[in-house]
């Protein structure tokens, strides 16, 4: 008997608020936030390379209000590694950033969500995307409310797959594990996240995550190989 495809209970929220509000979560940098904001015209994370409880690594584009502002004027070289990948024009840079995860980052990740596009600072406001299941998103919203952050939900959408997607053959837990593993770089070379860290991010035991992941991989492979 065939079962109808079920909707995937993963959602993407896009939130927007002032930098001053969202900086309430950046406890470690609070004293430098106001100064940093005055230097930025736009700041956009183009790609998350790593974002876990140990480290944050991203590729970003930054444009300063004053064209003479230097990268070293903005970043703390003792805490953050910055490599300029491209200088588009004076005061506009594409850069690689790597830094140790802050306590605020760790608190956010413990809710189980992961960051997604967009992540943009412009005109004193920040717009950021987060992805997770209903429970994870509720925990994230609860956390930022606890930090007294005022925000607006710009959009809230389901992350859906086509009716013919192999993912429709997986259980909800298997889909969550396999998509999270992919998005967090578990299948990258070199691997960007370990099974243990991914399990912590999703709030499950490592053995449970491995079980769901292996069953998901087997079902996906079976679906592919039986059609060849």
N, C-alpha and C. Protein backbone atom coordinates (compact mmCIF):
# COMPACT_ATOMS: atom_id res chain seq x y z
N UNK A 1 0.84 -1.20 0.00
CA UNK A 1 0.00 0.00 0.00
C UNK A 1 0.87 1.25 0.00
N UNK A 2 0.61 2.17 -0.91
CA UNK A 2 1.40 3.38 -0.99
C UNK A 2 0.88 4.42 -0.02
N UNK A 3 1.80 5.16 0.55
CA UNK A 3 1.45 6.22 1.48
C UNK A 3 1.63 7.56 0.80
N UNK A 4 0.71 8.46 1.04
CA UNK A 4 0.82 9.80 0.47
C UNK A 4 2.01 10.52 1.10
N UNK A 5 2.69 11.32 0.30
CA UNK A 5 3.84 12.07 0.81
C UNK A 5 3.38 13.04 1.89
N UNK A 6 4.19 13.11 2.95
CA UNK A 6 3.86 14.01 4.06
C UNK A 6 4.66 15.29 3.93
N UNK A 7 4.10 16.39 4.45
CA UNK A 7 4.81 17.64 4.46
C UNK A 7 5.98 17.56 5.43
N UNK A 8 7.07 18.18 5.07
CA UNK A 8 8.25 18.21 5.93
C UNK A 8 8.07 19.33 6.94
N UNK A 9 8.20 19.00 8.21
CA UNK A 9 7.98 19.99 9.26
C UNK A 9 9.25 20.78 9.54
N UNK A 10 9.83 21.34 8.51
CA UNK A 10 10.98 22.24 8.64
C UNK A 10 10.53 23.59 8.10
N UNK A 11 10.87 24.64 8.83
CA UNK A 11 10.44 25.97 8.42
C UNK A 11 11.62 26.92 8.42
N UNK A 12 11.46 27.96 7.64
CA UNK A 12 12.47 29.01 7.58
C UNK A 12 11.84 30.33 7.99
N UNK A 13 12.43 30.95 9.01
CA UNK A 13 11.99 32.26 9.45
C UNK A 13 13.01 33.30 9.01
N UNK A 14 12.51 34.43 8.54
CA UNK A 14 13.38 35.57 8.27
C UNK A 14 12.96 36.68 9.23
N UNK A 15 13.89 37.07 10.07
CA UNK A 15 13.62 38.09 11.09
C UNK A 15 14.36 39.36 10.74
N UNK A 16 13.79 40.48 11.20
CA UNK A 16 14.42 41.78 10.97
C UNK A 16 14.29 42.63 12.21
N UNK A 17 15.31 43.38 12.50
CA UNK A 17 15.28 44.29 13.64
C UNK A 17 16.47 45.22 13.59
N UNK A 18 16.56 46.12 14.53
CA UNK A 18 17.68 47.06 14.57
C UNK A 18 18.93 46.35 15.07
N UNK A 19 20.08 46.86 14.66
CA UNK A 19 21.34 46.31 15.13
C UNK A 19 21.43 46.41 16.65
N UNK A 20 20.95 47.52 17.19
CA UNK A 20 21.00 47.71 18.63
C UNK A 20 20.24 46.62 19.36
N UNK A 21 19.11 46.20 18.80
CA UNK A 21 18.32 45.15 19.43
C UNK A 21 19.03 43.80 19.34
N UNK A 22 19.48 43.44 18.14
CA UNK A 22 20.10 42.13 17.97
C UNK A 22 21.47 42.04 18.66
N UNK A 23 22.10 43.20 18.87
CA UNK A 23 23.40 43.17 19.54
C UNK A 23 23.27 42.82 21.02
N UNK A 24 22.04 42.80 21.55
CA UNK A 24 21.84 42.39 22.93
C UNK A 24 22.27 40.94 23.15
N UNK A 25 22.28 40.16 22.07
CA UNK A 25 22.70 38.76 22.19
C UNK A 25 24.21 38.61 22.15
N UNK A 26 24.90 39.65 21.66
CA UNK A 26 26.35 39.59 21.55
C UNK A 26 26.99 40.10 22.83
N UNK A 27 26.86 39.33 23.88
CA UNK A 27 27.30 39.74 25.21
C UNK A 27 28.79 40.08 25.23
N UNK A 28 29.62 39.27 24.58
CA UNK A 28 31.06 39.44 24.64
C UNK A 28 31.53 40.71 23.95
N UNK A 29 30.77 41.22 22.97
CA UNK A 29 31.20 42.37 22.18
C UNK A 29 30.40 43.63 22.46
N UNK A 30 29.60 43.61 23.49
CA UNK A 30 28.65 44.69 23.72
C UNK A 30 29.31 46.07 23.71
N UNK A 31 30.53 46.15 24.31
CA UNK A 31 31.17 47.46 24.42
C UNK A 31 31.65 47.99 23.08
N UNK A 32 31.79 47.12 22.05
CA UNK A 32 32.30 47.56 20.75
C UNK A 32 31.21 47.72 19.68
N UNK A 33 29.99 47.28 19.99
CA UNK A 33 28.93 47.26 18.98
C UNK A 33 28.65 48.64 18.41
N UNK A 34 28.45 49.61 19.28
CA UNK A 34 28.08 50.96 18.80
C UNK A 34 29.14 51.52 17.87
N UNK A 35 30.42 51.31 18.22
CA UNK A 35 31.50 51.81 17.38
C UNK A 35 31.50 51.11 16.03
N UNK A 36 31.31 49.80 16.03
CA UNK A 36 31.34 49.05 14.78
C UNK A 36 30.21 49.45 13.84
N UNK A 37 29.03 49.66 14.40
CA UNK A 37 27.87 50.02 13.58
C UNK A 37 28.11 51.30 12.80
N UNK A 38 28.78 52.25 13.42
CA UNK A 38 29.00 53.54 12.77
C UNK A 38 29.89 53.44 11.54
N UNK A 39 30.65 52.34 11.44
CA UNK A 39 31.56 52.19 10.31
C UNK A 39 30.93 51.49 9.10
N UNK A 40 29.85 50.74 9.33
CA UNK A 40 29.29 49.87 8.28
C UNK A 40 28.24 50.59 7.44
N UNK A 41 28.34 50.39 6.13
CA UNK A 41 27.24 50.75 5.24
C UNK A 41 26.41 49.50 4.98
N UNK A 42 27.07 48.42 4.55
CA UNK A 42 26.39 47.13 4.41
C UNK A 42 27.36 46.02 4.81
N UNK A 43 26.79 44.94 5.34
CA UNK A 43 27.56 43.76 5.70
C UNK A 43 26.68 42.56 5.40
N UNK A 44 27.18 41.63 4.59
CA UNK A 44 26.38 40.47 4.19
C UNK A 44 27.21 39.20 4.28
N UNK A 45 26.66 38.19 4.94
CA UNK A 45 27.30 36.87 4.94
C UNK A 45 26.87 36.16 3.66
N UNK A 46 27.84 35.90 2.80
CA UNK A 46 27.55 35.26 1.52
C UNK A 46 27.44 33.74 1.67
N UNK A 47 28.22 33.19 2.60
CA UNK A 47 28.19 31.74 2.79
C UNK A 47 28.70 31.37 4.18
N UNK A 48 27.94 30.51 4.86
CA UNK A 48 28.39 29.95 6.13
C UNK A 48 29.25 28.72 5.81
N UNK A 49 30.51 28.77 6.17
CA UNK A 49 31.40 27.63 5.97
C UNK A 49 31.39 26.73 7.20
N UNK A 50 31.26 27.33 8.35
CA UNK A 50 31.18 26.57 9.60
C UNK A 50 30.50 27.44 10.65
N UNK A 51 29.56 26.84 11.36
CA UNK A 51 28.90 27.55 12.45
C UNK A 51 28.46 26.51 13.46
N UNK A 52 29.31 26.28 14.44
CA UNK A 52 29.00 25.31 15.48
C UNK A 52 29.47 25.87 16.83
N UNK A 53 29.43 25.03 17.85
CA UNK A 53 29.73 25.50 19.21
C UNK A 53 31.21 25.83 19.41
N UNK A 54 32.05 25.49 18.43
CA UNK A 54 33.47 25.76 18.57
C UNK A 54 33.96 26.92 17.71
N UNK A 55 33.38 27.06 16.52
CA UNK A 55 33.94 28.03 15.59
C UNK A 55 32.91 28.55 14.60
N UNK A 56 33.12 29.80 14.19
CA UNK A 56 32.33 30.42 13.13
C UNK A 56 33.28 30.77 11.99
N UNK A 57 32.96 30.30 10.78
CA UNK A 57 33.75 30.63 9.60
C UNK A 57 32.79 31.00 8.48
N UNK A 58 32.99 32.16 7.89
CA UNK A 58 32.08 32.64 6.86
C UNK A 58 32.84 33.39 5.77
N UNK A 59 32.17 33.53 4.63
CA UNK A 59 32.64 34.44 3.58
C UNK A 59 31.65 35.59 3.53
N UNK A 60 32.13 36.80 3.62
CA UNK A 60 31.27 37.97 3.77
C UNK A 60 31.65 39.06 2.76
N UNK A 61 30.72 39.95 2.57
CA UNK A 61 30.97 41.17 1.80
C UNK A 61 30.70 42.35 2.71
N UNK A 62 31.65 43.25 2.82
CA UNK A 62 31.50 44.40 3.71
C UNK A 62 31.79 45.69 2.94
N UNK A 63 30.96 46.68 3.18
CA UNK A 63 31.15 48.00 2.57
C UNK A 63 31.12 49.03 3.69
N UNK A 64 32.16 49.82 3.77
CA UNK A 64 32.27 50.83 4.81
C UNK A 64 31.69 52.17 4.34
N UNK A 65 31.15 52.93 5.28
CA UNK A 65 30.62 54.25 4.95
C UNK A 65 31.74 55.16 4.46
N UNK A 66 32.85 55.10 5.15
CA UNK A 66 34.01 55.90 4.78
C UNK A 66 34.95 55.02 3.96
N UNK A 67 35.21 55.39 2.73
CA UNK A 67 36.01 54.56 1.83
C UNK A 67 37.43 54.35 2.35
N UNK A 68 37.88 55.22 3.23
CA UNK A 68 39.25 55.09 3.74
C UNK A 68 39.35 54.14 4.93
N UNK A 69 38.21 53.63 5.41
CA UNK A 69 38.23 52.69 6.54
C UNK A 69 38.91 51.40 6.12
N UNK A 70 39.79 50.90 6.98
CA UNK A 70 40.52 49.68 6.68
C UNK A 70 39.90 48.49 7.42
N UNK A 71 40.12 47.30 6.89
CA UNK A 71 39.61 46.09 7.53
C UNK A 71 40.09 46.00 8.97
N UNK A 72 41.36 46.33 9.20
CA UNK A 72 41.92 46.23 10.55
C UNK A 72 41.31 47.26 11.51
N UNK A 73 40.63 48.28 10.98
CA UNK A 73 39.94 49.25 11.84
C UNK A 73 38.65 48.66 12.41
N UNK A 74 38.15 47.62 11.75
CA UNK A 74 36.85 47.07 12.11
C UNK A 74 36.95 45.80 12.94
N UNK A 75 37.89 44.92 12.59
CA UNK A 75 37.98 43.63 13.25
C UNK A 75 39.10 43.60 14.28
N UNK A 76 38.87 42.84 15.32
CA UNK A 76 39.86 42.63 16.36
C UNK A 76 40.78 41.49 15.93
N UNK A 77 41.99 41.84 15.52
CA UNK A 77 42.92 40.85 14.98
C UNK A 77 43.31 39.78 15.99
N UNK A 78 43.21 40.09 17.28
CA UNK A 78 43.57 39.12 18.31
C UNK A 78 42.52 38.03 18.44
N UNK A 79 41.29 38.35 18.06
CA UNK A 79 40.19 37.42 18.27
C UNK A 79 39.67 36.83 16.96
N UNK A 80 39.80 37.56 15.86
CA UNK A 80 39.20 37.16 14.59
C UNK A 80 40.27 37.11 13.50
N UNK A 81 40.28 36.01 12.77
CA UNK A 81 41.16 35.91 11.61
C UNK A 81 40.40 36.39 10.37
N UNK A 82 40.97 37.34 9.66
CA UNK A 82 40.33 37.89 8.47
C UNK A 82 41.29 37.84 7.30
N UNK A 83 40.81 37.32 6.18
CA UNK A 83 41.60 37.29 4.95
C UNK A 83 40.80 37.99 3.86
N UNK A 84 41.39 38.99 3.24
CA UNK A 84 40.72 39.70 2.15
C UNK A 84 40.81 38.85 0.89
N UNK A 85 39.66 38.43 0.37
CA UNK A 85 39.61 37.62 -0.84
C UNK A 85 39.56 38.48 -2.09
N UNK A 86 38.89 39.61 -1.97
CA UNK A 86 38.76 40.51 -3.11
C UNK A 86 38.44 41.92 -2.62
N UNK A 87 39.07 42.90 -3.22
CA UNK A 87 38.72 44.29 -2.98
C UNK A 87 37.98 44.78 -4.22
N UNK A 88 36.64 44.83 -4.12
CA UNK A 88 35.83 45.19 -5.28
C UNK A 88 36.11 46.62 -5.73
N UNK A 89 36.23 47.47 -4.74
CA UNK A 89 36.61 48.86 -4.94
C UNK A 89 37.01 49.41 -3.60
N UNK A 90 37.43 50.63 -3.54
CA UNK A 90 37.90 51.21 -2.30
C UNK A 90 36.79 51.17 -1.25
N UNK A 91 37.07 50.51 -0.12
CA UNK A 91 36.10 50.44 0.96
C UNK A 91 35.08 49.32 0.85
N UNK A 92 35.20 48.48 -0.19
CA UNK A 92 34.28 47.36 -0.38
C UNK A 92 35.10 46.07 -0.55
N UNK A 93 34.88 45.12 0.36
CA UNK A 93 35.72 43.92 0.38
C UNK A 93 34.88 42.65 0.47
N UNK A 94 35.37 41.58 -0.16
CA UNK A 94 34.88 40.22 0.07
C UNK A 94 35.94 39.56 0.94
N UNK A 95 35.54 39.03 2.08
CA UNK A 95 36.52 38.56 3.05
C UNK A 95 36.14 37.19 3.61
N UNK A 96 37.14 36.49 4.09
CA UNK A 96 36.96 35.25 4.85
C UNK A 96 37.16 35.58 6.31
N UNK A 97 36.23 35.14 7.16
CA UNK A 97 36.31 35.40 8.60
C UNK A 97 36.27 34.08 9.35
N UNK A 98 37.14 33.95 10.33
CA UNK A 98 37.12 32.79 11.21
C UNK A 98 37.34 33.26 12.64
N UNK A 99 36.47 32.82 13.54
CA UNK A 99 36.60 33.20 14.94
C UNK A 99 36.06 32.10 15.84
N UNK A 100 36.48 32.14 17.08
CA UNK A 100 35.98 31.19 18.06
C UNK A 100 34.52 31.51 18.35
N UNK A 101 33.70 30.48 18.48
CA UNK A 101 32.28 30.69 18.76
C UNK A 101 32.12 31.39 20.10
N UNK A 102 31.24 32.37 20.14
CA UNK A 102 30.98 33.10 21.36
C UNK A 102 29.91 32.39 22.18
N UNK A 103 29.78 32.80 23.41
CA UNK A 103 28.77 32.22 24.27
C UNK A 103 27.38 32.43 23.68
N UNK A 104 27.14 33.58 23.07
CA UNK A 104 25.82 33.86 22.47
C UNK A 104 25.57 32.93 21.29
N UNK A 105 26.62 32.66 20.47
CA UNK A 105 26.48 31.71 19.36
C UNK A 105 26.11 30.33 19.88
N UNK A 106 26.78 29.92 20.95
CA UNK A 106 26.53 28.59 21.53
C UNK A 106 25.11 28.49 22.05
N UNK A 107 24.62 29.56 22.68
CA UNK A 107 23.24 29.55 23.19
C UNK A 107 22.24 29.43 22.05
N UNK A 108 22.50 30.12 20.95
CA UNK A 108 21.61 30.06 19.79
C UNK A 108 21.62 28.65 19.19
N UNK A 109 22.81 28.07 19.04
CA UNK A 109 22.92 26.75 18.45
C UNK A 109 22.27 25.67 19.31
N UNK A 110 22.26 25.88 20.61
CA UNK A 110 21.64 24.88 21.50
C UNK A 110 20.14 24.79 21.28
N UNK A 111 19.54 25.78 20.66
CA UNK A 111 18.11 25.69 20.36
C UNK A 111 17.85 24.71 19.22
N UNK A 112 18.91 24.33 18.49
CA UNK A 112 18.77 23.36 17.41
C UNK A 112 18.64 23.96 16.02
N UNK A 113 18.45 25.28 15.93
CA UNK A 113 18.30 25.90 14.62
C UNK A 113 19.66 26.04 13.94
N UNK A 114 19.66 26.33 12.66
CA UNK A 114 20.90 26.72 12.01
C UNK A 114 20.64 27.94 11.15
N UNK A 115 21.70 28.70 10.94
CA UNK A 115 21.58 29.97 10.23
C UNK A 115 21.49 29.72 8.73
N UNK A 116 20.76 30.60 8.07
CA UNK A 116 20.58 30.50 6.63
C UNK A 116 20.61 31.90 6.04
N UNK A 117 20.60 31.99 4.73
CA UNK A 117 20.48 33.30 4.10
C UNK A 117 19.04 33.81 4.27
N UNK A 118 18.82 35.10 4.33
CA UNK A 118 19.83 36.14 4.27
C UNK A 118 20.43 36.41 5.65
N UNK A 119 21.60 37.02 5.65
CA UNK A 119 22.17 37.55 6.89
C UNK A 119 22.84 38.86 6.49
N UNK A 120 22.07 39.93 6.58
CA UNK A 120 22.48 41.22 6.02
C UNK A 120 22.30 42.34 7.03
N UNK A 121 23.29 43.21 7.09
CA UNK A 121 23.18 44.44 7.87
C UNK A 121 23.17 45.60 6.88
N UNK A 122 22.15 46.43 6.98
CA UNK A 122 22.05 47.58 6.08
C UNK A 122 21.21 48.66 6.74
N UNK A 123 21.68 49.90 6.68
CA UNK A 123 20.94 51.04 7.20
C UNK A 123 20.55 50.86 8.67
N UNK A 124 21.47 50.29 9.45
CA UNK A 124 21.22 50.14 10.88
C UNK A 124 20.30 49.01 11.25
N UNK A 125 19.91 48.18 10.26
CA UNK A 125 19.03 47.05 10.52
C UNK A 125 19.71 45.76 10.11
N UNK A 126 19.27 44.67 10.73
CA UNK A 126 19.77 43.36 10.38
C UNK A 126 18.62 42.46 9.97
N UNK A 127 18.81 41.72 8.90
CA UNK A 127 17.84 40.73 8.44
C UNK A 127 18.54 39.38 8.45
N UNK A 128 17.93 38.40 9.10
CA UNK A 128 18.61 37.12 9.26
C UNK A 128 17.63 35.97 9.08
N UNK A 129 18.10 34.89 8.45
CA UNK A 129 17.28 33.71 8.25
C UNK A 129 17.71 32.59 9.18
N UNK A 130 16.74 31.88 9.73
CA UNK A 130 17.01 30.71 10.57
C UNK A 130 16.10 29.57 10.13
N UNK A 131 16.62 28.34 10.24
CA UNK A 131 15.88 27.16 9.80
C UNK A 131 15.84 26.13 10.93
N UNK A 132 14.69 25.49 11.07
CA UNK A 132 14.54 24.44 12.07
C UNK A 132 13.14 23.88 12.04
N UNK A 133 12.91 22.86 12.86
CA UNK A 133 11.55 22.37 12.98
C UNK A 133 10.78 23.25 13.96
N UNK A 134 9.51 22.95 14.17
CA UNK A 134 8.67 23.80 15.01
C UNK A 134 9.23 23.95 16.42
N UNK A 135 9.67 22.85 17.01
CA UNK A 135 10.21 22.87 18.37
C UNK A 135 11.47 23.72 18.45
N UNK A 136 12.36 23.58 17.48
CA UNK A 136 13.61 24.33 17.47
C UNK A 136 13.38 25.82 17.30
N UNK A 137 12.46 26.17 16.39
CA UNK A 137 12.18 27.59 16.16
C UNK A 137 11.52 28.23 17.37
N UNK A 138 10.65 27.48 18.05
CA UNK A 138 10.05 28.00 19.27
C UNK A 138 11.10 28.26 20.33
N UNK A 139 12.07 27.34 20.45
CA UNK A 139 13.14 27.51 21.43
C UNK A 139 13.99 28.73 21.09
N UNK A 140 14.23 28.95 19.80
CA UNK A 140 15.02 30.10 19.36
C UNK A 140 14.28 31.40 19.66
N UNK A 141 13.00 31.45 19.34
CA UNK A 141 12.21 32.66 19.61
C UNK A 141 12.14 32.92 21.11
N UNK A 142 12.00 31.86 21.89
CA UNK A 142 11.97 32.00 23.35
C UNK A 142 13.28 32.59 23.86
N UNK A 143 14.38 32.15 23.26
CA UNK A 143 15.69 32.66 23.69
C UNK A 143 15.86 34.14 23.37
N UNK A 144 15.51 34.55 22.14
CA UNK A 144 15.73 35.96 21.81
C UNK A 144 14.75 36.87 22.56
N UNK A 145 13.56 36.34 22.90
CA UNK A 145 12.66 37.12 23.73
C UNK A 145 13.23 37.28 25.14
N UNK A 146 13.87 36.22 25.62
CA UNK A 146 14.51 36.26 26.94
C UNK A 146 15.60 37.32 26.98
N UNK A 147 16.25 37.53 25.82
CA UNK A 147 17.29 38.55 25.72
C UNK A 147 16.71 39.94 25.44
N UNK A 148 15.35 40.04 25.46
CA UNK A 148 14.65 41.32 25.25
C UNK A 148 14.95 41.93 23.89
N UNK A 149 15.02 41.07 22.88
CA UNK A 149 15.27 41.54 21.51
C UNK A 149 13.93 41.79 20.82
N UNK A 150 13.73 43.02 20.35
CA UNK A 150 12.55 43.34 19.56
C UNK A 150 12.82 43.01 18.09
N UNK A 151 11.91 42.32 17.45
CA UNK A 151 12.13 41.89 16.08
C UNK A 151 10.79 41.82 15.34
N UNK A 152 10.88 41.73 14.02
CA UNK A 152 9.72 41.53 13.17
C UNK A 152 9.96 40.28 12.33
N UNK A 153 8.93 39.43 12.21
CA UNK A 153 9.02 38.27 11.34
C UNK A 153 8.66 38.72 9.93
N UNK A 154 9.63 38.74 9.06
CA UNK A 154 9.43 39.16 7.68
C UNK A 154 8.70 38.08 6.90
N UNK A 155 9.10 36.82 7.14
CA UNK A 155 8.44 35.71 6.46
C UNK A 155 8.62 34.43 7.27
N UNK A 156 7.68 33.52 7.07
CA UNK A 156 7.73 32.20 7.71
C UNK A 156 7.21 31.20 6.68
N UNK A 157 8.11 30.37 6.17
CA UNK A 157 7.74 29.47 5.08
C UNK A 157 8.19 28.05 5.35
N UNK A 158 7.45 27.09 4.79
CA UNK A 158 7.85 25.70 4.86
C UNK A 158 9.01 25.47 3.89
N UNK A 159 9.91 24.60 4.29
CA UNK A 159 10.94 24.14 3.37
C UNK A 159 10.41 22.86 2.75
N UNK A 160 10.00 22.94 1.53
CA UNK A 160 9.32 21.80 0.89
C UNK A 160 10.17 21.22 -0.22
N UNK A 161 9.85 20.00 -0.57
CA UNK A 161 10.53 19.30 -1.65
C UNK A 161 9.48 18.85 -2.66
N UNK A 162 9.91 18.64 -3.89
CA UNK A 162 8.99 18.23 -4.93
C UNK A 162 8.35 16.89 -4.61
N UNK A 163 7.19 16.65 -5.20
CA UNK A 163 6.45 15.42 -4.92
C UNK A 163 7.25 14.18 -5.30
N UNK A 164 8.20 14.33 -6.25
CA UNK A 164 8.99 13.20 -6.70
C UNK A 164 10.32 13.09 -5.95
N UNK A 165 10.53 13.97 -4.97
CA UNK A 165 11.80 13.97 -4.25
C UNK A 165 11.99 12.68 -3.46
N UNK A 166 13.21 12.10 -3.48
CA UNK A 166 13.48 10.90 -2.67
C UNK A 166 13.28 11.16 -1.19
N UNK A 167 13.33 12.42 -0.77
CA UNK A 167 13.17 12.75 0.64
C UNK A 167 11.77 12.44 1.15
N UNK A 168 10.82 12.33 0.25
CA UNK A 168 9.45 12.05 0.69
C UNK A 168 9.32 10.63 1.24
N UNK A 169 10.32 9.78 0.96
CA UNK A 169 10.30 8.41 1.45
C UNK A 169 10.89 8.27 2.84
N UNK A 170 11.40 9.38 3.39
CA UNK A 170 12.01 9.35 4.71
C UNK A 170 11.01 9.78 5.78
N UNK A 171 11.26 9.35 7.01
CA UNK A 171 10.45 9.84 8.12
C UNK A 171 10.87 11.27 8.42
N UNK A 172 10.08 11.96 9.21
CA UNK A 172 10.39 13.35 9.55
C UNK A 172 11.75 13.45 10.23
N UNK A 173 12.04 12.53 11.17
CA UNK A 173 13.31 12.57 11.89
C UNK A 173 14.48 12.30 10.95
N UNK A 174 14.27 11.36 10.02
CA UNK A 174 15.33 11.06 9.06
C UNK A 174 15.60 12.24 8.14
N UNK A 175 14.54 12.93 7.71
CA UNK A 175 14.71 14.11 6.86
C UNK A 175 15.45 15.21 7.60
N UNK A 176 15.07 15.42 8.86
CA UNK A 176 15.72 16.46 9.66
C UNK A 176 17.21 16.18 9.80
N UNK A 177 17.55 14.94 10.10
CA UNK A 177 18.95 14.56 10.29
C UNK A 177 19.74 14.69 8.99
N UNK A 178 19.20 14.16 7.89
CA UNK A 178 19.96 14.13 6.64
C UNK A 178 20.13 15.53 6.05
N UNK A 179 19.08 16.37 6.14
CA UNK A 179 19.20 17.74 5.61
C UNK A 179 20.10 18.58 6.48
N UNK A 180 20.03 18.40 7.81
CA UNK A 180 20.90 19.14 8.72
C UNK A 180 22.35 18.72 8.52
N UNK A 181 22.59 17.42 8.34
CA UNK A 181 23.95 16.93 8.10
C UNK A 181 24.52 17.55 6.83
N UNK A 182 23.70 17.62 5.80
CA UNK A 182 24.17 18.20 4.54
C UNK A 182 24.45 19.70 4.68
N UNK A 183 23.50 20.42 5.29
CA UNK A 183 23.63 21.87 5.40
C UNK A 183 24.77 22.30 6.32
N UNK A 184 25.10 21.47 7.32
CA UNK A 184 26.17 21.82 8.25
C UNK A 184 27.53 21.28 7.83
N UNK A 185 27.59 20.63 6.66
CA UNK A 185 28.88 20.23 6.13
C UNK A 185 29.39 18.88 6.58
N UNK A 186 28.48 17.99 7.03
CA UNK A 186 28.92 16.66 7.45
C UNK A 186 29.46 15.87 6.25
N UNK A 187 28.89 16.13 5.07
CA UNK A 187 29.31 15.39 3.88
C UNK A 187 30.37 16.12 3.07
N UNK A 188 30.84 17.27 3.58
CA UNK A 188 31.88 18.01 2.87
C UNK A 188 33.24 17.32 3.06
N UNK A 189 34.17 17.62 2.18
CA UNK A 189 35.55 17.17 2.31
C UNK A 189 36.45 18.40 2.33
N UNK A 190 37.12 18.70 3.44
CA UNK A 190 37.06 17.96 4.71
C UNK A 190 35.73 18.21 5.43
N UNK A 191 35.36 17.29 6.29
CA UNK A 191 34.10 17.38 7.03
C UNK A 191 34.12 18.60 7.94
N UNK A 192 33.02 19.39 7.90
CA UNK A 192 32.96 20.63 8.68
C UNK A 192 32.30 20.45 10.04
N UNK A 193 31.66 19.31 10.26
CA UNK A 193 31.02 19.07 11.55
C UNK A 193 31.07 17.57 11.84
N UNK A 194 31.31 17.22 13.08
CA UNK A 194 31.37 15.82 13.46
C UNK A 194 29.97 15.31 13.77
N UNK A 195 29.85 14.00 13.82
CA UNK A 195 28.57 13.39 14.17
C UNK A 195 28.15 13.80 15.58
N UNK A 196 29.13 13.86 16.49
CA UNK A 196 28.84 14.24 17.88
C UNK A 196 28.32 15.68 17.97
N UNK A 197 28.97 16.61 17.25
CA UNK A 197 28.55 18.01 17.30
C UNK A 197 27.19 18.20 16.63
N UNK A 198 26.94 17.45 15.55
CA UNK A 198 25.65 17.55 14.89
C UNK A 198 24.55 17.03 15.81
N UNK A 199 24.85 15.96 16.54
CA UNK A 199 23.88 15.42 17.49
C UNK A 199 23.54 16.44 18.57
N UNK A 200 24.56 17.14 19.07
CA UNK A 200 24.33 18.18 20.07
C UNK A 200 23.47 19.30 19.50
N UNK A 201 23.75 19.66 18.26
CA UNK A 201 23.00 20.73 17.61
C UNK A 201 21.52 20.38 17.47
N UNK A 202 21.25 19.09 17.22
CA UNK A 202 19.87 18.65 17.04
C UNK A 202 19.22 18.18 18.34
N UNK A 203 20.01 18.15 19.42
CA UNK A 203 19.46 17.77 20.71
C UNK A 203 19.14 16.30 20.85
N UNK A 204 19.95 15.44 20.20
CA UNK A 204 19.74 13.99 20.28
C UNK A 204 21.06 13.31 20.63
N UNK A 205 20.99 12.05 21.03
CA UNK A 205 22.20 11.28 21.29
C UNK A 205 22.90 10.97 19.98
N UNK A 206 24.22 10.84 20.07
CA UNK A 206 25.00 10.54 18.86
C UNK A 206 24.55 9.21 18.25
N UNK A 207 24.28 8.21 19.10
CA UNK A 207 23.84 6.90 18.58
C UNK A 207 22.50 7.01 17.87
N UNK A 208 21.61 7.89 18.38
CA UNK A 208 20.30 8.09 17.75
C UNK A 208 20.47 8.76 16.39
N UNK A 209 21.33 9.79 16.35
CA UNK A 209 21.58 10.49 15.09
C UNK A 209 22.15 9.53 14.05
N UNK A 210 23.12 8.71 14.46
CA UNK A 210 23.74 7.76 13.53
C UNK A 210 22.70 6.79 12.98
N UNK A 211 21.81 6.33 13.84
CA UNK A 211 20.76 5.39 13.40
C UNK A 211 19.86 6.04 12.35
N UNK A 212 19.38 7.26 12.64
CA UNK A 212 18.51 7.96 11.69
C UNK A 212 19.26 8.26 10.39
N UNK A 213 20.53 8.66 10.52
CA UNK A 213 21.30 9.02 9.32
C UNK A 213 21.52 7.80 8.43
N UNK A 214 21.89 6.67 9.03
CA UNK A 214 22.15 5.47 8.24
C UNK A 214 20.89 4.95 7.57
N UNK A 215 19.77 4.99 8.29
CA UNK A 215 18.51 4.55 7.69
C UNK A 215 18.11 5.46 6.54
N UNK A 216 18.34 6.78 6.74
CA UNK A 216 18.02 7.74 5.68
C UNK A 216 18.89 7.50 4.46
N UNK A 217 20.19 7.31 4.69
CA UNK A 217 21.12 7.07 3.58
C UNK A 217 20.75 5.79 2.83
N UNK A 218 20.39 4.75 3.57
CA UNK A 218 20.03 3.48 2.94
C UNK A 218 18.77 3.64 2.08
N UNK A 219 17.77 4.36 2.61
CA UNK A 219 16.53 4.55 1.85
C UNK A 219 16.79 5.39 0.60
N UNK A 220 17.62 6.42 0.73
CA UNK A 220 17.92 7.25 -0.42
C UNK A 220 18.68 6.47 -1.49
N UNK A 221 19.67 5.68 -1.06
CA UNK A 221 20.43 4.86 -2.01
C UNK A 221 19.55 3.81 -2.66
N UNK A 222 18.67 3.19 -1.86
CA UNK A 222 17.77 2.17 -2.40
C UNK A 222 16.86 2.78 -3.45
N UNK A 223 16.38 3.98 -3.20
CA UNK A 223 15.51 4.66 -4.16
C UNK A 223 16.21 4.97 -5.45
N UNK A 224 17.52 5.32 -5.33
CA UNK A 224 18.30 5.65 -6.53
C UNK A 224 18.66 4.39 -7.30
N UNK A 225 19.18 3.38 -6.59
CA UNK A 225 19.70 2.18 -7.26
C UNK A 225 18.59 1.33 -7.89
N UNK A 226 17.41 1.34 -7.31
CA UNK A 226 16.32 0.54 -7.88
C UNK A 226 15.76 1.16 -9.15
N UNK A 227 16.15 2.41 -9.43
CA UNK A 227 15.65 3.09 -10.63
C UNK A 227 16.67 3.06 -11.75
N UNK A 228 17.86 2.53 -11.44
CA UNK A 228 18.90 2.50 -12.46
C UNK A 228 18.87 1.21 -13.26
